[in-house]
Amino acid sequence: MTFLPHARMSRFLSFLAAPLLIAGIAQAQSTDSTAGKSVWQGVYTEEQATRGDTEHQNNCNSCHGTEKYSGENFTKNWVGRTVFDLFDQIKTTMPDDNPGGLSAQQYKDVVAYILKTNGFPAGTDSLPSDPEAMRLLKIDAKPNKQAALRPMYHPHAHIPATATR
């Protein structure tokens, strides 16, 4: 068996360990990215939002419309929070004359209707019943398509002299 000098052995071990370190970092990043889902990925169904519209008409419209939960008011109050936060707020405060008086399904349907009212797309799955699963659904601001189109810096890329940043 041949023994390598200390410096060569150290480089050799670093060479072997680097892929394992990179794989570990990639695993951690993929775990973090699946820890939450954006409402822009479709977290309710069309059918659920339709039921929510009916529930809203039957239980909410007599006191207020959707103004508290739509447009700029919605963005200001709910972006950065979770679907559970919205669900819990509505469940513990509405209807005014009977807070918590609807079933969990009725509240989830109303939340789906509010998400639809704010332009979030429907998906293939209904809002989950589990509060912990709802806490993983993030209410995010609308993604900026322009930011996604900006070129990334690369040290070897040729950037024309007329380009500005």
C-alpha atoms as a PDB file:
ATOM      1  CA  MET A   1       0.000   0.000   0.000  1.00  0.00           C
ATOM      2  CA  THR A   2       1.336   3.425  -0.970  1.00  0.00           C
ATOM      3  CA  PHE A   3       1.119   6.265   1.502  1.00  0.00           C
ATOM      4  CA  LEU A   4       0.562   9.801   0.222  1.00  0.00           C
ATOM      5  CA  PRO A   5       2.342  12.754   1.800  1.00  0.00           C
ATOM      6  CA  HIS A   6       0.148  14.757   4.161  1.00  0.00           C
ATOM      7  CA  ALA A   7      -0.541  17.666   1.748  1.00  0.00           C
ATOM      8  CA  ARG A   8      -1.478  15.324  -1.123  1.00  0.00           C
ATOM      9  CA  MET A   9      -3.683  13.228   1.186  1.00  0.00           C
ATOM     10  CA  SER A  10      -5.457  16.363   2.390  1.00  0.00           C
ATOM     11  CA  ARG A  11      -6.163  17.488  -1.205  1.00  0.00           C
ATOM     12  CA  PHE A  12      -7.260  13.969  -2.109  1.00  0.00           C
ATOM     13  CA  LEU A  13      -9.727  13.831   0.800  1.00  0.00           C
ATOM     14  CA  SER A  14     -11.011  17.331  -0.067  1.00  0.00           C
ATOM     15  CA  PHE A  15     -11.547  16.162  -3.632  1.00  0.00           C
ATOM     16  CA  LEU A  16     -13.612  13.208  -2.363  1.00  0.00           C
ATOM     17  CA  ALA A  17     -15.564  15.258   0.195  1.00  0.00           C
ATOM     18  CA  ALA A  18     -16.545  18.135  -2.128  1.00  0.00           C
ATOM     19  CA  PRO A  19     -19.283  16.231  -4.001  1.00  0.00           C
ATOM     20  CA  LEU A  20     -20.746  15.048  -0.695  1.00  0.00           C
ATOM     21  CA  LEU A  21     -20.795  18.614   0.633  1.00  0.00           C
ATOM     22  CA  ILE A  22     -22.420  19.916  -2.549  1.00  0.00           C
ATOM     23  CA  ALA A  23     -25.022  17.136  -2.426  1.00  0.00           C
ATOM     24  CA  GLY A  24     -25.781  17.994   1.201  1.00  0.00           C
ATOM     25  CA  ILE A  25     -26.253  21.681   0.388  1.00  0.00           C
ATOM     26  CA  ALA A  26     -28.507  20.832  -2.580  1.00  0.00           C
ATOM     27  CA  GLN A  27     -30.577  18.518  -0.360  1.00  0.00           C
ATOM     28  CA  ALA A  28     -30.986  21.251   2.270  1.00  0.00           C
ATOM     29  CA  GLN A  29     -32.013  23.795  -0.374  1.00  0.00           C
ATOM     30  CA  SER A  30     -34.544  21.443  -1.942  1.00  0.00           C
ATOM     31  CA  THR A  31     -35.973  20.694   1.493  1.00  0.00           C
ATOM     32  CA  ASP A  32     -36.290  24.417   2.219  1.00  0.00           C
ATOM     33  CA  SER A  33     -37.993  25.114  -1.104  1.00  0.00           C
ATOM     34  CA  THR A  34     -40.611  22.430  -0.461  1.00  0.00           C
ATOM     35  CA  ALA A  35     -41.261  23.692   3.061  1.00  0.00           C
ATOM     36  CA  GLY A  36     -43.852  26.089   1.709  1.00  0.00           C
ATOM     37  CA  LYS A  37     -46.012  26.552  -1.343  1.00  0.00           C
ATOM     38  CA  SER A  38     -47.008  29.864  -2.818  1.00  0.00           C
ATOM     39  CA  VAL A  39     -50.669  30.615  -3.475  1.00  0.00           C
ATOM     40  CA  TRP A  40     -49.488  31.406  -7.022  1.00  0.00           C
ATOM     41  CA  GLN A  41     -49.028  27.651  -7.482  1.00  0.00           C
ATOM     42  CA  GLY A  42     -52.765  26.926  -7.183  1.00  0.00           C
ATOM     43  CA  VAL A  43     -53.768  25.871  -3.668  1.00  0.00           C
ATOM     44  CA  TYR A  44     -57.565  25.652  -4.114  1.00  0.00           C
ATOM     45  CA  THR A  45     -59.908  24.299  -6.785  1.00  0.00           C
ATOM     46  CA  GLU A  46     -62.377  26.182  -8.987  1.00  0.00           C
ATOM     47  CA  GLU A  47     -65.157  24.086  -7.457  1.00  0.00           C
ATOM     48  CA  GLN A  48     -64.085  25.106  -3.956  1.00  0.00           C
ATOM     49  CA  ALA A  49     -64.031  28.805  -4.914  1.00  0.00           C
ATOM     50  CA  THR A  50     -67.523  28.474  -6.440  1.00  0.00           C
ATOM     51  CA  ARG A  51     -68.810  26.979  -3.183  1.00  0.00           C
ATOM     52  CA  GLY A  52     -67.037  29.805  -1.342  1.00  0.00           C
ATOM     53  CA  ASP A  53     -68.824  32.379  -3.496  1.00  0.00           C
ATOM     54  CA  THR A  54     -72.153  30.822  -2.484  1.00  0.00           C
ATOM     55  CA  GLU A  55     -71.122  30.748   1.199  1.00  0.00           C
ATOM     56  CA  HIS A  56     -70.024  34.375   0.972  1.00  0.00           C
ATOM     57  CA  GLN A  57     -73.374  35.384  -0.537  1.00  0.00           C
ATOM     58  CA  ASN A  58     -75.295  33.446   2.132  1.00  0.00           C
ATOM     59  CA  ASN A  59     -73.233  34.407   5.193  1.00  0.00           C
ATOM     60  CA  CYS A  60     -71.200  37.532   4.481  1.00  0.00           C
ATOM     61  CA  ASN A  61     -72.847  39.794   1.885  1.00  0.00           C
ATOM     62  CA  SER A  62     -75.555  41.018   4.270  1.00  0.00           C
ATOM     63  CA  CYS A  63     -72.887  42.893   6.285  1.00  0.00           C
ATOM     64  CA  HIS A  64     -70.071  43.534   3.804  1.00  0.00           C
ATOM     65  CA  GLY A  65     -68.681  42.745   0.384  1.00  0.00           C
ATOM     66  CA  THR A  66     -65.174  41.560  -0.370  1.00  0.00           C
ATOM     67  CA  GLU A  67     -63.580  45.023  -0.037  1.00  0.00           C
ATOM     68  CA  LYS A  68     -61.824  44.075   3.213  1.00  0.00           C
ATOM     69  CA  TYR A  69     -60.343  40.997   1.566  1.00  0.00           C
ATOM     70  CA  SER A  70     -59.548  42.175  -1.953  1.00  0.00           C
ATOM     71  CA  GLY A  71     -57.281  44.440  -3.934  1.00  0.00           C
ATOM     72  CA  GLU A  72     -54.929  46.786  -2.115  1.00  0.00           C
ATOM     73  CA  ASN A  73     -56.484  46.022   1.289  1.00  0.00           C
ATOM     74  CA  PHE A  74     -55.781  42.331   0.795  1.00  0.00           C
ATOM     75  CA  THR A  75     -52.229  42.952  -0.389  1.00  0.00           C
ATOM     76  CA  LYS A  76     -51.450  45.300   2.498  1.00  0.00           C
ATOM     77  CA  ASN A  77     -52.873  42.987   5.155  1.00  0.00           C
ATOM     78  CA  TRP A  78     -52.145  39.478   3.905  1.00  0.00           C
ATOM     79  CA  VAL A  79     -49.065  39.333   1.660  1.00  0.00           C
ATOM     80  CA  GLY A  80     -46.276  37.735   3.678  1.00  0.00           C
ATOM     81  CA  ARG A  81     -48.679  35.728   5.805  1.00  0.00           C
ATOM     82  CA  THR A  82     -50.148  32.246   5.382  1.00  0.00           C
ATOM     83  CA  VAL A  83     -53.453  30.811   4.229  1.00  0.00           C
ATOM     84  CA  PHE A  84     -53.948  29.559   7.786  1.00  0.00           C
ATOM     85  CA  ASP A  85     -53.672  33.136   9.076  1.00  0.00           C
ATOM     86  CA  LEU A  86     -56.475  34.181   6.720  1.00  0.00           C
ATOM     87  CA  PHE A  87     -58.581  31.111   7.543  1.00  0.00           C
ATOM     88  CA  ASP A  88     -58.105  31.617  11.299  1.00  0.00           C
ATOM     89  CA  GLN A  89     -58.909  35.342  11.141  1.00  0.00           C
ATOM     90  CA  ILE A  90     -62.164  34.699   9.309  1.00  0.00           C
ATOM     91  CA  LYS A  91     -63.096  31.702  11.461  1.00  0.00           C
ATOM     92  CA  THR A  92     -62.574  33.545  14.756  1.00  0.00           C
ATOM     93  CA  THR A  93     -64.280  36.809  13.747  1.00  0.00           C
ATOM     94  CA  MET A  94     -66.993  35.971  11.191  1.00  0.00           C
ATOM     95  CA  PRO A  95     -69.894  36.059  10.847  1.00  0.00           C
ATOM     96  CA  ASP A  96     -70.159  39.104  13.127  1.00  0.00           C
ATOM     97  CA  ASP A  97     -73.209  37.737  14.889  1.00  0.00           C
ATOM     98  CA  ASN A  98     -71.839  34.184  15.212  1.00  0.00           C
ATOM     99  CA  PRO A  99     -68.018  33.948  14.999  1.00  0.00           C
ATOM    100  CA  GLY A 100     -66.953  30.364  14.329  1.00  0.00           C
ATOM    101  CA  GLY A 101     -70.529  29.420  13.487  1.00  0.00           C
ATOM    102  CA  LEU A 102     -69.741  27.904  10.093  1.00  0.00           C
ATOM    103  CA  SER A 103     -68.098  24.542   9.455  1.00  0.00           C
ATOM    104  CA  ALA A 104     -64.370  24.327   8.749  1.00  0.00           C
ATOM    105  CA  GLN A 105     -65.235  23.365   5.158  1.00  0.00           C
ATOM    106  CA  GLN A 106     -67.403  26.479   4.734  1.00  0.00           C
ATOM    107  CA  TYR A 107     -64.574  28.691   6.010  1.00  0.00           C
ATOM    108  CA  LYS A 108     -62.067  26.986   3.682  1.00  0.00           C
ATOM    109  CA  ASP A 109     -64.433  27.526   0.757  1.00  0.00           C
ATOM    110  CA  VAL A 110     -64.743  31.231   1.614  1.00  0.00           C
ATOM    111  CA  VAL A 111     -60.926  31.464   1.775  1.00  0.00           C
ATOM    112  CA  ALA A 112     -60.735  29.845  -1.681  1.00  0.00           C
ATOM    113  CA  TYR A 113     -63.250  32.409  -2.966  1.00  0.00           C
ATOM    114  CA  ILE A 114     -61.172  35.257  -1.496  1.00  0.00           C
ATOM    115  CA  LEU A 115     -58.015  33.870  -3.136  1.00  0.00           C
ATOM    116  CA  LYS A 116     -59.836  33.674  -6.471  1.00  0.00           C
ATOM    117  CA  THR A 117     -61.199  37.214  -6.022  1.00  0.00           C
ATOM    118  CA  ASN A 118     -57.600  38.395  -5.658  1.00  0.00           C
ATOM    119  CA  GLY A 119     -56.452  36.721  -8.861  1.00  0.00           C
ATOM    120  CA  PHE A 120     -54.626  33.734  -7.410  1.00  0.00           C
ATOM    121  CA  PRO A 121     -54.975  30.766  -9.785  1.00  0.00           C
ATOM    122  CA  ALA A 122     -56.925  27.615  -9.004  1.00  0.00           C
ATOM    123  CA  GLY A 123     -55.121  24.295  -8.894  1.00  0.00           C
ATOM    124  CA  THR A 124     -55.987  20.629  -8.756  1.00  0.00           C
ATOM    125  CA  ASP A 125     -56.108  20.246  -4.954  1.00  0.00           C
ATOM    126  CA  SER A 126     -58.518  21.778  -2.456  1.00  0.00           C
ATOM    127  CA  LEU A 127     -57.258  23.714   0.525  1.00  0.00           C
ATOM    128  CA  PRO A 128     -56.092  21.190   3.130  1.00  0.00           C
ATOM    129  CA  SER A 129     -58.021  20.545   6.345  1.00  0.00           C
ATOM    130  CA  ASP A 130     -54.871  20.227   8.445  1.00  0.00           C
ATOM    131  CA  PRO A 131     -53.931  23.580  10.037  1.00  0.00           C
ATOM    132  CA  GLU A 132     -50.221  22.722   9.809  1.00  0.00           C
ATOM    133  CA  ALA A 133     -50.539  22.116   6.055  1.00  0.00           C
ATOM    134  CA  MET A 134     -52.365  25.456   5.698  1.00  0.00           C
ATOM    135  CA  ARG A 135     -49.518  27.167   7.546  1.00  0.00           C
ATOM    136  CA  LEU A 136     -47.195  26.064   4.717  1.00  0.00           C
ATOM    137  CA  LEU A 137     -49.257  27.895   2.081  1.00  0.00           C
ATOM    138  CA  LYS A 138     -47.701  31.326   1.665  1.00  0.00           C
ATOM    139  CA  ILE A 139     -49.603  34.375   0.483  1.00  0.00           C
ATOM    140  CA  ASP A 140     -46.979  35.992  -1.737  1.00  0.00           C
ATOM    141  CA  ALA A 141     -46.979  39.135  -3.823  1.00  0.00           C
ATOM    142  CA  LYS A 142     -47.474  38.637  -7.531  1.00  0.00           C
ATOM    143  CA  PRO A 143     -44.218  37.383  -9.062  1.00  0.00           C
ATOM    144  CA  ASN A 144     -42.418  40.010 -11.113  1.00  0.00           C
ATOM    145  CA  LYS A 145     -42.015  38.529 -14.598  1.00  0.00           C
ATOM    146  CA  GLN A 146     -39.498  41.241 -15.577  1.00  0.00           C
ATOM    147  CA  ALA A 147     -37.129  40.263 -12.761  1.00  0.00           C
ATOM    148  CA  ALA A 148     -37.118  36.673 -14.010  1.00  0.00           C
ATOM    149  CA  LEU A 149     -36.045  37.830 -17.473  1.00  0.00           C
ATOM    150  CA  ARG A 150     -33.021  39.842 -16.364  1.00  0.00           C
ATOM    151  CA  PRO A 151     -29.739  38.190 -17.342  1.00  0.00           C
ATOM    152  CA  MET A 152     -27.588  36.810 -14.590  1.00  0.00           C
ATOM    153  CA  TYR A 153     -24.020  37.999 -14.204  1.00  0.00           C
ATOM    154  CA  HIS A 154     -21.418  35.563 -15.428  1.00  0.00           C
ATOM    155  CA  PRO A 155     -17.727  36.513 -15.235  1.00  0.00           C
ATOM    156  CA  HIS A 156     -16.979  35.167 -18.724  1.00  0.00           C
ATOM    157  CA  ALA A 157     -20.044  36.509 -20.508  1.00  0.00           C
ATOM    158  CA  HIS A 158     -19.515  39.129 -23.168  1.00  0.00           C
ATOM    159  CA  ILE A 159     -21.658  42.189 -22.436  1.00  0.00           C
ATOM    160  CA  PRO A 160     -21.980  44.587 -25.373  1.00  0.00           C
ATOM    161  CA  ALA A 161     -20.791  48.140 -24.747  1.00  0.00           C
ATOM    162  CA  THR A 162     -24.289  49.505 -25.468  1.00  0.00           C
ATOM    163  CA  ALA A 163     -25.881  47.457 -22.699  1.00  0.00           C
ATOM    164  CA  THR A 164     -26.831  49.256 -19.521  1.00  0.00           C
ATOM    165  CA  ARG A 165     -27.629  47.927 -16.094  1.00  0.00           C
END
